[in-house]
Amino acid sequence: MPDGAVIPTPTEIVHVDAPNRFVDEQRTGPYRIWHHEHFFAALPDGGTEVHDLVTYAPPLGPLGILLNRFLIRPQLEKIFNYREAPLVRAGAAPPASPSCAPDGAPRLPGPADAQRGDRK
């Protein structure tokens, strides 16, 4: 498990487009907003490519922005990087590193970001 405390965050799956995609959203927890899209694509070699698109808003207003920079975002990067290793071993594409959404909200990019040059 990544270093640091992981806060359990109850989410609800709000959309399923099997086998291509599903979306979960936080119902209660530490974030003002948590919207996580999971994308799956079959690869010619039989593997599955995996991408995530996470849009979130930290709590606590201006303090949350500061906490996001130094605590929240690095923790999310550790969580997604931790998950990357077994995905690579299983033949899936690694998740992307965080960036910002057009509206300035923190985000972990997914397949839609490939056109902007972000890592898939």
PDB file of N, CA and C in Angstrom:
ATOM      1  N   MET A   1       0.841  -1.183   0.000  1.00  0.00           N
ATOM      2  CA  MET A   1       0.000   0.000   0.000  1.00  0.00           C
ATOM      3  C   MET A   1       0.881   1.239   0.000  1.00  0.00           C
ATOM      4  N   PRO A   2       0.440   2.349  -0.607  1.00  0.00           N
ATOM      5  CA  PRO A   2       1.247   3.561  -0.595  1.00  0.00           C
ATOM      6  C   PRO A   2       1.422   4.096   0.820  1.00  0.00           C
ATOM      7  N   ASP A   3       2.492   4.872   1.012  1.00  0.00           N
ATOM      8  CA  ASP A   3       2.724   5.488   2.313  1.00  0.00           C
ATOM      9  C   ASP A   3       1.598   6.457   2.632  1.00  0.00           C
ATOM     10  N   GLY A   4       1.359   6.643   3.904  1.00  0.00           N
ATOM     11  CA  GLY A   4       0.358   7.612   4.326  1.00  0.00           C
ATOM     12  C   GLY A   4      -0.992   6.957   4.560  1.00  0.00           C
ATOM     13  N   ALA A   5      -1.836   7.688   5.240  1.00  0.00           N
ATOM     14  CA  ALA A   5      -3.169   7.188   5.543  1.00  0.00           C
ATOM     15  C   ALA A   5      -4.072   7.288   4.326  1.00  0.00           C
ATOM     16  N   VAL A   6      -4.861   6.264   4.131  1.00  0.00           N
ATOM     17  CA  VAL A   6      -5.859   6.283   3.065  1.00  0.00           C
ATOM     18  C   VAL A   6      -7.221   6.382   3.729  1.00  0.00           C
ATOM     19  N   ILE A   7      -7.966   7.409   3.369  1.00  0.00           N
ATOM     20  CA  ILE A   7      -9.279   7.629   3.959  1.00  0.00           C
ATOM     21  C   ILE A   7     -10.312   6.867   3.149  1.00  0.00           C
ATOM     22  N   PRO A   8     -11.069   5.963   3.796  1.00  0.00           N
ATOM     23  CA  PRO A   8     -12.134   5.273   3.052  1.00  0.00           C
ATOM     24  C   PRO A   8     -13.134   6.290   2.515  1.00  0.00           C
ATOM     25  N   THR A   9     -13.470   6.164   1.244  1.00  0.00           N
ATOM     26  CA  THR A   9     -14.368   7.102   0.596  1.00  0.00           C
ATOM     27  C   THR A   9     -15.497   6.330  -0.074  1.00  0.00           C
ATOM     28  N   PRO A  10     -16.681   6.268   0.558  1.00  0.00           N
ATOM     29  CA  PRO A  10     -17.791   5.556  -0.075  1.00  0.00           C
ATOM     30  C   PRO A  10     -18.167   6.207  -1.406  1.00  0.00           C
ATOM     31  N   THR A  11     -18.181   5.397  -2.456  1.00  0.00           N
ATOM     32  CA  THR A  11     -18.570   5.877  -3.771  1.00  0.00           C
ATOM     33  C   THR A  11     -19.748   5.058  -4.269  1.00  0.00           C
ATOM     34  N   GLU A  12     -20.429   5.614  -5.248  1.00  0.00           N
ATOM     35  CA  GLU A  12     -21.543   4.926  -5.894  1.00  0.00           C
ATOM     36  C   GLU A  12     -21.255   4.866  -7.386  1.00  0.00           C
ATOM     37  N   ILE A  13     -21.445   3.698  -7.969  1.00  0.00           N
ATOM     38  CA  ILE A  13     -21.306   3.573  -9.421  1.00  0.00           C
ATOM     39  C   ILE A  13     -22.560   4.184 -10.024  1.00  0.00           C
ATOM     40  N   VAL A  14     -22.368   5.249 -10.797  1.00  0.00           N
ATOM     41  CA  VAL A  14     -23.502   6.016 -11.320  1.00  0.00           C
ATOM     42  C   VAL A  14     -23.741   5.788 -12.803  1.00  0.00           C
ATOM     43  N   HIS A  15     -22.794   5.155 -13.482  1.00  0.00           N
ATOM     44  CA  HIS A  15     -22.968   4.888 -14.906  1.00  0.00           C
ATOM     45  C   HIS A  15     -22.123   3.681 -15.291  1.00  0.00           C
ATOM     46  N   VAL A  16     -22.717   2.785 -16.087  1.00  0.00           N
ATOM     47  CA  VAL A  16     -21.994   1.623 -16.598  1.00  0.00           C
ATOM     48  C   VAL A  16     -22.237   1.524 -18.089  1.00  0.00           C
ATOM     49  N   ASP A  17     -21.159   1.425 -18.837  1.00  0.00           N
ATOM     50  CA  ASP A  17     -21.198   1.178 -20.271  1.00  0.00           C
ATOM     51  C   ASP A  17     -20.297  -0.037 -20.506  1.00  0.00           C
ATOM     52  N   ALA A  18     -20.757  -1.202 -20.028  1.00  0.00           N
ATOM     53  CA  ALA A  18     -19.943  -2.419 -20.095  1.00  0.00           C
ATOM     54  C   ALA A  18     -19.754  -2.839 -21.549  1.00  0.00           C
ATOM     55  N   PRO A  19     -18.599  -3.293 -21.892  1.00  0.00           N
ATOM     56  CA  PRO A  19     -17.386  -3.471 -21.088  1.00  0.00           C
ATOM     57  C   PRO A  19     -16.407  -2.311 -21.234  1.00  0.00           C
ATOM     58  N   ASN A  20     -16.869  -1.155 -21.672  1.00  0.00           N
ATOM     59  CA  ASN A  20     -15.970  -0.058 -22.029  1.00  0.00           C
ATOM     60  C   ASN A  20     -15.659   0.944 -20.920  1.00  0.00           C
ATOM     61  N   ARG A  21     -16.605   1.136 -20.010  1.00  0.00           N
ATOM     62  CA  ARG A  21     -16.459   2.262 -19.093  1.00  0.00           C
ATOM     63  C   ARG A  21     -17.429   2.144 -17.939  1.00  0.00           C
ATOM     64  N   PHE A  22     -17.006   2.660 -16.779  1.00  0.00           N
ATOM     65  CA  PHE A  22     -17.950   2.906 -15.701  1.00  0.00           C
ATOM     66  C   PHE A  22     -17.494   4.131 -14.922  1.00  0.00           C
ATOM     67  N   VAL A  23     -18.440   4.723 -14.195  1.00  0.00           N
ATOM     68  CA  VAL A  23     -18.179   5.966 -13.470  1.00  0.00           C
ATOM     69  C   VAL A  23     -18.613   5.791 -12.026  1.00  0.00           C
ATOM     70  N   ASP A  24     -17.732   6.213 -11.110  1.00  0.00           N
ATOM     71  CA  ASP A  24     -18.143   6.250  -9.705  1.00  0.00           C
ATOM     72  C   ASP A  24     -17.990   7.670  -9.184  1.00  0.00           C
ATOM     73  N   GLU A  25     -18.849   8.005  -8.215  1.00  0.00           N
ATOM     74  CA  GLU A  25     -18.821   9.324  -7.594  1.00  0.00           C
ATOM     75  C   GLU A  25     -18.877   9.163  -6.085  1.00  0.00           C
ATOM     76  N   GLN A  26     -18.153  10.032  -5.396  1.00  0.00           N
ATOM     77  CA  GLN A  26     -18.171  10.032  -3.937  1.00  0.00           C
ATOM     78  C   GLN A  26     -19.549  10.468  -3.448  1.00  0.00           C
ATOM     79  N   ARG A  27     -20.075   9.757  -2.480  1.00  0.00           N
ATOM     80  CA  ARG A  27     -21.343  10.133  -1.859  1.00  0.00           C
ATOM     81  C   ARG A  27     -21.108  10.825  -0.528  1.00  0.00           C
ATOM     82  N   THR A  28     -20.141  10.355   0.234  1.00  0.00           N
ATOM     83  CA  THR A  28     -19.694  11.014   1.456  1.00  0.00           C
ATOM     84  C   THR A  28     -18.192  10.847   1.501  1.00  0.00           C
ATOM     85  N   GLY A  29     -17.526  11.788   2.117  1.00  0.00           N
ATOM     86  CA  GLY A  29     -16.082  11.648   2.221  1.00  0.00           C
ATOM     87  C   GLY A  29     -15.367  12.974   2.222  1.00  0.00           C
ATOM     88  N   PRO A  30     -14.058  12.915   2.008  1.00  0.00           N
ATOM     89  CA  PRO A  30     -13.225  14.099   2.203  1.00  0.00           C
ATOM     90  C   PRO A  30     -13.263  15.131   1.076  1.00  0.00           C
ATOM     91  N   TYR A  31     -13.723  14.771  -0.111  1.00  0.00           N
ATOM     92  CA  TYR A  31     -13.673  15.696  -1.240  1.00  0.00           C
ATOM     93  C   TYR A  31     -15.000  16.427  -1.405  1.00  0.00           C
ATOM     94  N   ARG A  32     -14.928  17.684  -1.900  1.00  0.00           N
ATOM     95  CA  ARG A  32     -16.173  18.381  -2.252  1.00  0.00           C
ATOM     96  C   ARG A  32     -16.787  17.712  -3.466  1.00  0.00           C
ATOM     97  N   ILE A  33     -15.925  17.273  -4.407  1.00  0.00           N
ATOM     98  CA  ILE A  33     -16.357  16.557  -5.615  1.00  0.00           C
ATOM     99  C   ILE A  33     -15.363  15.438  -5.868  1.00  0.00           C
ATOM    100  N   TRP A  34     -15.868  14.256  -6.222  1.00  0.00           N
ATOM    101  CA  TRP A  34     -15.037  13.137  -6.674  1.00  0.00           C
ATOM    102  C   TRP A  34     -15.826  12.420  -7.767  1.00  0.00           C
ATOM    103  N   HIS A  35     -15.332  12.506  -8.992  1.00  0.00           N
ATOM    104  CA  HIS A  35     -15.963  11.880 -10.161  1.00  0.00           C
ATOM    105  C   HIS A  35     -14.863  11.096 -10.862  1.00  0.00           C
ATOM    106  N   HIS A  36     -14.981   9.767 -10.882  1.00  0.00           N
ATOM    107  CA  HIS A  36     -13.918   8.890 -11.381  1.00  0.00           C
ATOM    108  C   HIS A  36     -14.454   8.040 -12.525  1.00  0.00           C
ATOM    109  N   GLU A  37     -13.932   8.289 -13.727  1.00  0.00           N
ATOM    110  CA  GLU A  37     -14.301   7.510 -14.905  1.00  0.00           C
ATOM    111  C   GLU A  37     -13.215   6.477 -15.169  1.00  0.00           C
ATOM    112  N   HIS A  38     -13.620   5.235 -15.360  1.00  0.00           N
ATOM    113  CA  HIS A  38     -12.721   4.118 -15.654  1.00  0.00           C
ATOM    114  C   HIS A  38     -12.987   3.700 -17.099  1.00  0.00           C
ATOM    115  N   PHE A  39     -11.953   3.685 -17.929  1.00  0.00           N
ATOM    116  CA  PHE A  39     -12.090   3.316 -19.342  1.00  0.00           C
ATOM    117  C   PHE A  39     -11.311   2.035 -19.614  1.00  0.00           C
ATOM    118  N   PHE A  40     -11.881   1.151 -20.415  1.00  0.00           N
ATOM    119  CA  PHE A  40     -11.254  -0.117 -20.774  1.00  0.00           C
ATOM    120  C   PHE A  40     -11.350  -0.308 -22.282  1.00  0.00           C
ATOM    121  N   ALA A  41     -10.258  -0.766 -22.880  1.00  0.00           N
ATOM    122  CA  ALA A  41     -10.253  -1.035 -24.325  1.00  0.00           C
ATOM    123  C   ALA A  41      -9.484  -2.332 -24.573  1.00  0.00           C
ATOM    124  N   ALA A  42     -10.051  -3.187 -25.403  1.00  0.00           N
ATOM    125  CA  ALA A  42      -9.391  -4.439 -25.759  1.00  0.00           C
ATOM    126  C   ALA A  42      -8.189  -4.150 -26.638  1.00  0.00           C
ATOM    127  N   LEU A  43      -7.090  -4.840 -26.362  1.00  0.00           N
ATOM    128  CA  LEU A  43      -5.878  -4.730 -27.175  1.00  0.00           C
ATOM    129  C   LEU A  43      -5.772  -5.926 -28.109  1.00  0.00           C
ATOM    130  N   PRO A  44      -5.105  -5.775 -29.236  1.00  0.00           N
ATOM    131  CA  PRO A  44      -4.986  -6.871 -30.203  1.00  0.00           C
ATOM    132  C   PRO A  44      -4.341  -8.131 -29.622  1.00  0.00           C
ATOM    133  N   ASP A  45      -3.467  -7.952 -28.619  1.00  0.00           N
ATOM    134  CA  ASP A  45      -2.796  -9.120 -28.039  1.00  0.00           C
ATOM    135  C   ASP A  45      -3.636  -9.812 -26.970  1.00  0.00           C
ATOM    136  N   GLY A  46      -4.867  -9.353 -26.771  1.00  0.00           N
ATOM    137  CA  GLY A  46      -5.752  -9.974 -25.787  1.00  0.00           C
ATOM    138  C   GLY A  46      -5.758  -9.260 -24.444  1.00  0.00           C
ATOM    139  N   GLY A  47      -4.864  -8.296 -24.257  1.00  0.00           N
ATOM    140  CA  GLY A  47      -4.837  -7.536 -23.013  1.00  0.00           C
ATOM    141  C   GLY A  47      -5.926  -6.487 -22.987  1.00  0.00           C
ATOM    142  N   THR A  48      -5.963  -5.743 -21.911  1.00  0.00           N
ATOM    143  CA  THR A  48      -6.938  -4.669 -21.754  1.00  0.00           C
ATOM    144  C   THR A  48      -6.206  -3.395 -21.377  1.00  0.00           C
ATOM    145  N   GLU A  49      -6.447  -2.331 -22.134  1.00  0.00           N
ATOM    146  CA  GLU A  49      -5.881  -1.030 -21.822  1.00  0.00           C
ATOM    147  C   GLU A  49      -6.807  -0.348 -20.811  1.00  0.00           C
ATOM    148  N   VAL A  50      -6.220   0.247 -19.790  1.00  0.00           N
ATOM    149  CA  VAL A  50      -6.984   0.873 -18.712  1.00  0.00           C
ATOM    150  C   VAL A  50      -6.574   2.335 -18.591  1.00  0.00           C
ATOM    151  N   HIS A  51      -7.566   3.222 -18.517  1.00  0.00           N
ATOM    152  CA  HIS A  51      -7.327   4.641 -18.291  1.00  0.00           C
ATOM    153  C   HIS A  51      -8.308   5.133 -17.240  1.00  0.00           C
ATOM    154  N   ASP A  52      -7.900   6.164 -16.526  1.00  0.00           N
ATOM    155  CA  ASP A  52      -8.750   6.783 -15.517  1.00  0.00           C
ATOM    156  C   ASP A  52      -8.831   8.275 -15.788  1.00  0.00           C
ATOM    157  N   LEU A  53      -9.989   8.826 -15.538  1.00  0.00           N
ATOM    158  CA  LEU A  53     -10.186  10.267 -15.571  1.00  0.00           C
ATOM    159  C   LEU A  53     -10.853  10.630 -14.256  1.00  0.00           C
ATOM    160  N   VAL A  54     -10.116  11.327 -13.405  1.00  0.00           N
ATOM    161  CA  VAL A  54     -10.631  11.700 -12.096  1.00  0.00           C
ATOM    162  C   VAL A  54     -10.735  13.218 -12.027  1.00  0.00           C
ATOM    163  N   THR A  55     -11.925  13.698 -11.730  1.00  0.00           N
ATOM    164  CA  THR A  55     -12.136  15.112 -11.472  1.00  0.00           C
ATOM    165  C   THR A  55     -12.516  15.226 -10.002  1.00  0.00           C
ATOM    166  N   TYR A  56     -11.778  16.038  -9.264  1.00  0.00           N
ATOM    167  CA  TYR A  56     -12.080  16.187  -7.847  1.00  0.00           C
ATOM    168  C   TYR A  56     -11.876  17.618  -7.425  1.00  0.00           C
ATOM    169  N   ALA A  57     -12.518  17.977  -6.325  1.00  0.00           N
ATOM    170  CA  ALA A  57     -12.344  19.287  -5.712  1.00  0.00           C
ATOM    171  C   ALA A  57     -12.035  19.051  -4.250  1.00  0.00           C
ATOM    172  N   PRO A  58     -10.897  19.538  -3.792  1.00  0.00           N
ATOM    173  CA  PRO A  58     -10.555  19.351  -2.385  1.00  0.00           C
ATOM    174  C   PRO A  58     -11.482  20.152  -1.482  1.00  0.00           C
ATOM    175  N   PRO A  59     -11.576  19.747  -0.227  1.00  0.00           N
ATOM    176  CA  PRO A  59     -12.390  20.491   0.735  1.00  0.00           C
ATOM    177  C   PRO A  59     -11.639  21.725   1.236  1.00  0.00           C
ATOM    178  N   LEU A  60     -12.273  22.499   2.044  1.00  0.00           N
ATOM    179  CA  LEU A  60     -11.666  23.569   2.842  1.00  0.00           C
ATOM    180  C   LEU A  60     -11.259  24.824   2.070  1.00  0.00           C
ATOM    181  N   GLY A  61     -11.862  25.066   0.907  1.00  0.00           N
ATOM    182  CA  GLY A  61     -11.620  26.312   0.182  1.00  0.00           C
ATOM    183  C   GLY A  61     -10.147  26.574  -0.097  1.00  0.00           C
ATOM    184  N   PRO A  62      -9.657  27.803   0.211  1.00  0.00           N
ATOM    185  CA  PRO A  62      -8.263  28.144  -0.081  1.00  0.00           C
ATOM    186  C   PRO A  62      -7.260  27.228   0.631  1.00  0.00           C
ATOM    187  N   LEU A  63      -7.581  26.809   1.845  1.00  0.00           N
ATOM    188  CA  LEU A  63      -6.704  25.872   2.551  1.00  0.00           C
ATOM    189  C   LEU A  63      -6.643  24.542   1.798  1.00  0.00           C
ATOM    190  N   GLY A  64      -7.776  24.112   1.246  1.00  0.00           N
ATOM    191  CA  GLY A  64      -7.818  22.882   0.462  1.00  0.00           C
ATOM    192  C   GLY A  64      -6.948  22.955  -0.778  1.00  0.00           C
ATOM    193  N   ILE A  65      -6.879  24.135  -1.406  1.00  0.00           N
ATOM    194  CA  ILE A  65      -6.019  24.315  -2.579  1.00  0.00           C
ATOM    195  C   ILE A  65      -4.560  24.103  -2.184  1.00  0.00           C
ATOM    196  N   LEU A  66      -4.179  24.655  -1.049  1.00  0.00           N
ATOM    197  CA  LEU A  66      -2.817  24.474  -0.547  1.00  0.00           C
ATOM    198  C   LEU A  66      -2.575  23.007  -0.176  1.00  0.00           C
ATOM    199  N   LEU A  67      -3.521  22.414   0.555  1.00  0.00           N
ATOM    200  CA  LEU A  67      -3.391  20.997   0.917  1.00  0.00           C
ATOM    201  C   LEU A  67      -3.329  20.111  -0.327  1.00  0.00           C
ATOM    202  N   ASN A  68      -4.083  20.471  -1.371  1.00  0.00           N
ATOM    203  CA  ASN A  68      -4.062  19.689  -2.601  1.00  0.00           C
ATOM    204  C   ASN A  68      -2.655  19.662  -3.192  1.00  0.00           C
ATOM    205  N   ARG A  69      -2.023  20.799  -3.220  1.00  0.00           N
ATOM    206  CA  ARG A  69      -0.698  20.879  -3.834  1.00  0.00           C
ATOM    207  C   ARG A  69       0.344  20.047  -3.090  1.00  0.00           C
ATOM    208  N   PHE A  70       0.308  20.081  -1.773  1.00  0.00           N
ATOM    209  CA  PHE A  70       1.368  19.459  -0.991  1.00  0.00           C
ATOM    210  C   PHE A  70       0.991  18.120  -0.361  1.00  0.00           C
ATOM    211  N   LEU A  71      -0.284  17.782  -0.279  1.00  0.00           N
ATOM    212  CA  LEU A  71      -0.682  16.554   0.400  1.00  0.00           C
ATOM    213  C   LEU A  71      -1.640  15.694  -0.426  1.00  0.00           C
ATOM    214  N   ILE A  72      -2.763  16.271  -0.861  1.00  0.00           N
ATOM    215  CA  ILE A  72      -3.812  15.473  -1.504  1.00  0.00           C
ATOM    216  C   ILE A  72      -3.355  14.935  -2.856  1.00  0.00           C
ATOM    217  N   ARG A  73      -2.919  15.821  -3.745  1.00  0.00           N
ATOM    218  CA  ARG A  73      -2.504  15.375  -5.077  1.00  0.00           C
ATOM    219  C   ARG A  73      -1.326  14.395  -5.020  1.00  0.00           C
ATOM    220  N   PRO A  74      -0.281  14.655  -4.233  1.00  0.00           N
ATOM    221  CA  PRO A  74       0.786  13.650  -4.138  1.00  0.00           C
ATOM    222  C   PRO A  74       0.285  12.296  -3.641  1.00  0.00           C
ATOM    223  N   GLN A  75      -0.676  12.309  -2.705  1.00  0.00           N
ATOM    224  CA  GLN A  75      -1.229  11.042  -2.214  1.00  0.00           C
ATOM    225  C   GLN A  75      -1.997  10.328  -3.325  1.00  0.00           C
ATOM    226  N   LEU A  76      -2.789  11.074  -4.103  1.00  0.00           N
ATOM    227  CA  LEU A  76      -3.507  10.450  -5.220  1.00  0.00           C
ATOM    228  C   LEU A  76      -2.530   9.897  -6.255  1.00  0.00           C
ATOM    229  N   GLU A  77      -1.444  10.624  -6.528  1.00  0.00           N
ATOM    230  CA  GLU A  77      -0.433  10.117  -7.458  1.00  0.00           C
ATOM    231  C   GLU A  77       0.154   8.804  -6.956  1.00  0.00           C
ATOM    232  N   LYS A  78       0.434   8.726  -5.639  1.00  0.00           N
ATOM    233  CA  LYS A  78       0.962   7.480  -5.069  1.00  0.00           C
ATOM    234  C   LYS A  78      -0.032   6.335  -5.240  1.00  0.00           C
ATOM    235  N   ILE A  79      -1.298   6.612  -5.000  1.00  0.00           N
ATOM    236  CA  ILE A  79      -2.321   5.563  -5.119  1.00  0.00           C
ATOM    237  C   ILE A  79      -2.390   5.050  -6.555  1.00  0.00           C
ATOM    238  N   PHE A  80      -2.446   5.961  -7.525  1.00  0.00           N
ATOM    239  CA  PHE A  80      -2.542   5.529  -8.919  1.00  0.00           C
ATOM    240  C   PHE A  80      -1.240   4.904  -9.406  1.00  0.00           C
ATOM    241  N   ASN A  81      -0.093   5.394  -8.941  1.00  0.00           N
ATOM    242  CA  ASN A  81       1.178   4.767  -9.305  1.00  0.00           C
ATOM    243  C   ASN A  81       1.301   3.369  -8.706  1.00  0.00           C
ATOM    244  N   TYR A  82       0.799   3.194  -7.495  1.00  0.00           N
ATOM    245  CA  TYR A  82       0.795   1.881  -6.843  1.00  0.00           C
ATOM    246  C   TYR A  82      -0.022   0.893  -7.674  1.00  0.00           C
ATOM    247  N   ARG A  83      -1.124   1.357  -8.196  1.00  0.00           N
ATOM    248  CA  ARG A  83      -1.985   0.503  -9.016  1.00  0.00           C
ATOM    249  C   ARG A  83      -1.378   0.229 -10.385  1.00  0.00           C
ATOM    250  N   GLU A  84      -0.506   1.110 -10.849  1.00  0.00           N
ATOM    251  CA  GLU A  84       0.083   0.972 -12.182  1.00  0.00           C
ATOM    252  C   GLU A  84       0.868  -0.332 -12.339  1.00  0.00           C
ATOM    253  N   ALA A  85       1.658  -0.710 -11.351  1.00  0.00           N
ATOM    254  CA  ALA A  85       2.527  -1.886 -11.476  1.00  0.00           C
ATOM    255  C   ALA A  85       1.751  -3.161 -11.808  1.00  0.00           C
ATOM    256  N   PRO A  86       0.696  -3.511 -11.084  1.00  0.00           N
ATOM    257  CA  PRO A  86      -0.034  -4.734 -11.461  1.00  0.00           C
ATOM    258  C   PRO A  86      -0.753  -4.605 -12.805  1.00  0.00           C
ATOM    259  N   LEU A  87      -1.163  -3.391 -13.176  1.00  0.00           N
ATOM    260  CA  LEU A  87      -1.796  -3.206 -14.483  1.00  0.00           C
ATOM    261  C   LEU A  87      -0.799  -3.474 -15.603  1.00  0.00           C
ATOM    262  N   VAL A  88       0.414  -2.993 -15.434  1.00  0.00           N
ATOM    263  CA  VAL A  88       1.444  -3.227 -16.446  1.00  0.00           C
ATOM    264  C   VAL A  88       1.749  -4.723 -16.525  1.00  0.00           C
ATOM    265  N   ARG A  89       1.882  -5.370 -15.370  1.00  0.00           N
ATOM    266  CA  ARG A  89       2.136  -6.828 -15.358  1.00  0.00           C
ATOM    267  C   ARG A  89       1.003  -7.593 -16.036  1.00  0.00           C
ATOM    268  N   ALA A  90      -0.223  -7.077 -15.918  1.00  0.00           N
ATOM    269  CA  ALA A  90      -1.383  -7.753 -16.507  1.00  0.00           C
ATOM    270  C   ALA A  90      -1.574  -7.398 -17.974  1.00  0.00           C
ATOM    271  N   GLY A  91      -0.728  -6.495 -18.505  1.00  0.00           N
ATOM    272  CA  GLY A  91      -0.829  -6.128 -19.914  1.00  0.00           C
ATOM    273  C   GLY A  91      -1.707  -4.932 -20.187  1.00  0.00           C
ATOM    274  N   ALA A  92      -2.050  -4.184 -19.169  1.00  0.00           N
ATOM    275  CA  ALA A  92      -2.882  -2.990 -19.355  1.00  0.00           C
ATOM    276  C   ALA A  92      -1.993  -1.754 -19.424  1.00  0.00           C
ATOM    277  N   ALA A  93      -2.462  -0.721 -20.060  1.00  0.00           N
ATOM    278  CA  ALA A  93      -1.723   0.536 -20.118  1.00  0.00           C
ATOM    279  C   ALA A  93      -1.742   1.186 -18.746  1.00  0.00           C
ATOM    280  N   PRO A  94      -0.653   1.866 -18.361  1.00  0.00           N
ATOM    281  CA  PRO A  94      -0.622   2.502 -17.047  1.00  0.00           C
ATOM    282  C   PRO A  94      -1.540   3.712 -16.982  1.00  0.00           C
ATOM    283  N   PRO A  95      -2.046   4.005 -15.776  1.00  0.00           N
ATOM    284  CA  PRO A  95      -2.849   5.210 -15.616  1.00  0.00           C
ATOM    285  C   PRO A  95      -1.993   6.453 -15.816  1.00  0.00           C
ATOM    286  N   ALA A  96      -2.642   7.568 -16.068  1.00  0.00           N
ATOM    287  CA  ALA A  96      -1.939   8.819 -16.339  1.00  0.00           C
ATOM    288  C   ALA A  96      -1.594   9.538 -15.053  1.00  0.00           C
ATOM    289  N   SER A  97      -0.696  10.487 -15.165  1.00  0.00           N
ATOM    290  CA  SER A  97      -0.365  11.327 -14.024  1.00  0.00           C
ATOM    291  C   SER A  97      -1.350  12.500 -13.965  1.00  0.00           C
ATOM    292  N   PRO A  98      -1.511  13.109 -12.780  1.00  0.00           N
ATOM    293  CA  PRO A  98      -2.506  14.174 -12.643  1.00  0.00           C
ATOM    294  C   PRO A  98      -2.192  15.413 -13.471  1.00  0.00           C
ATOM    295  N   SER A  99      -3.234  16.114 -13.846  1.00  0.00           N
ATOM    296  CA  SER A  99      -3.124  17.421 -14.485  1.00  0.00           C
ATOM    297  C   SER A  99      -4.347  18.220 -14.046  1.00  0.00           C
ATOM    298  N   CYS A 100      -4.631  19.319 -14.715  1.00  0.00           N
ATOM    299  CA  CYS A 100      -5.800  20.117 -14.376  1.00  0.00           C
ATOM    300  C   CYS A 100      -6.813  20.081 -15.503  1.00  0.00           C
ATOM    301  N   ALA A 101      -8.062  20.062 -15.129  1.00  0.00           N
ATOM    302  CA  ALA A 101      -9.158  20.138 -16.088  1.00  0.00           C
ATOM    303  C   ALA A 101      -9.223  21.557 -16.637  1.00  0.00           C
ATOM    304  N   PRO A 102      -9.901  21.739 -17.779  1.00  0.00           N
ATOM    305  CA  PRO A 102     -10.012  23.082 -18.356  1.00  0.00           C
ATOM    306  C   PRO A 102     -10.591  24.114 -17.397  1.00  0.00           C
ATOM    307  N   ASP A 103     -11.453  23.677 -16.463  1.00  0.00           N
ATOM    308  CA  ASP A 103     -12.042  24.621 -15.520  1.00  0.00           C
ATOM    309  C   ASP A 103     -11.157  24.854 -14.299  1.00  0.00           C
ATOM    310  N   GLY A 104      -9.932  24.276 -14.321  1.00  0.00           N
ATOM    311  CA  GLY A 104      -8.999  24.468 -13.220  1.00  0.00           C
ATOM    312  C   GLY A 104      -9.120  23.431 -12.125  1.00  0.00           C
ATOM    313  N   ALA A 105     -10.119  22.545 -12.204  1.00  0.00           N
ATOM    314  CA  ALA A 105     -10.268  21.513 -11.183  1.00  0.00           C
ATOM    315  C   ALA A 105      -9.140  20.497 -11.311  1.00  0.00           C
ATOM    316  N   PRO A 106      -8.588  20.040 -10.194  1.00  0.00           N
ATOM    317  CA  PRO A 106      -7.572  19.000 -10.281  1.00  0.00           C
ATOM    318  C   PRO A 106      -8.146  17.773 -10.960  1.00  0.00           C
ATOM    319  N   ARG A 107      -7.309  17.069 -11.715  1.00  0.00           N
ATOM    320  CA  ARG A 107      -7.816  15.944 -12.481  1.00  0.00           C
ATOM    321  C   ARG A 107      -6.692  14.973 -12.785  1.00  0.00           C
ATOM    322  N   LEU A 108      -7.031  13.701 -12.841  1.00  0.00           N
ATOM    323  CA  LEU A 108      -6.140  12.668 -13.341  1.00  0.00           C
ATOM    324  C   LEU A 108      -6.629  12.339 -14.742  1.00  0.00           C
ATOM    325  N   PRO A 109      -5.830  12.600 -15.799  1.00  0.00           N
ATOM    326  CA  PRO A 109      -6.318  12.464 -17.171  1.00  0.00           C
ATOM    327  C   PRO A 109      -6.574  11.028 -17.603  1.00  0.00           C
ATOM    328  N   GLY A 110      -7.447  10.898 -18.560  1.00  0.00           N
ATOM    329  CA  GLY A 110      -7.777   9.616 -19.172  1.00  0.00           C
ATOM    330  C   GLY A 110      -7.633   9.691 -20.671  1.00  0.00           C
ATOM    331  N   PRO A 111      -8.268   8.817 -21.412  1.00  0.00           N
ATOM    332  CA  PRO A 111      -8.064   8.722 -22.848  1.00  0.00           C
ATOM    333  C   PRO A 111      -8.427   9.974 -23.624  1.00  0.00           C
ATOM    334  N   ALA A 112      -9.345  10.754 -23.140  1.00  0.00           N
ATOM    335  CA  ALA A 112      -9.735  11.962 -23.863  1.00  0.00           C
ATOM    336  C   ALA A 112      -8.587  12.960 -23.920  1.00  0.00           C
ATOM    337  N   ASP A 113      -7.592  12.811 -23.062  1.00  0.00           N
ATOM    338  CA  ASP A 113      -6.480  13.747 -23.012  1.00  0.00           C
ATOM    339  C   ASP A 113      -5.387  13.425 -24.015  1.00  0.00           C
ATOM    340  N   ALA A 114      -5.450  12.304 -24.690  1.00  0.00           N
ATOM    341  CA  ALA A 114      -4.402  11.919 -25.630  1.00  0.00           C
ATOM    342  C   ALA A 114      -4.221  12.982 -26.712  1.00  0.00           C
ATOM    343  N   GLN A 115      -5.304  13.612 -27.123  1.00  0.00           N
ATOM    344  CA  GLN A 115      -5.204  14.636 -28.168  1.00  0.00           C
ATOM    345  C   GLN A 115      -4.455  15.864 -27.694  1.00  0.00           C
ATOM    346  N   ARG A 116      -4.356  16.066 -26.383  1.00  0.00           N
ATOM    347  CA  ARG A 116      -3.617  17.207 -25.858  1.00  0.00           C
ATOM    348  C   ARG A 116      -2.187  16.819 -25.487  1.00  0.00           C
ATOM    349  N   GLY A 117      -1.800  15.589 -25.746  1.00  0.00           N
ATOM    350  CA  GLY A 117      -0.440  15.158 -25.512  1.00  0.00           C
ATOM    351  C   GLY A 117      -0.156  14.632 -24.129  1.00  0.00           C
ATOM    352  N   ASP A 118      -1.169  14.543 -23.260  1.00  0.00           N
ATOM    353  CA  ASP A 118      -0.934  13.978 -21.941  1.00  0.00           C
ATOM    354  C   ASP A 118      -0.666  12.484 -22.056  1.00  0.00           C
ATOM    355  N   ARG A 119       0.084  11.956 -21.113  1.00  0.00           N
ATOM    356  CA  ARG A 119       0.393  10.520 -21.108  1.00  0.00           C
ATOM    357  C   ARG A 119      -0.859   9.708 -20.887  1.00  0.00           C
ATOM    358  N   LYS A 120      -0.997   8.624 -21.653  1.00  0.00           N
ATOM    359  CA  LYS A 120      -2.125   7.713 -21.463  1.00  0.00           C
ATOM    360  C   LYS A 120      -1.721   6.631 -20.506  1.00  0.00           C
TER     361      LYS A 120
END
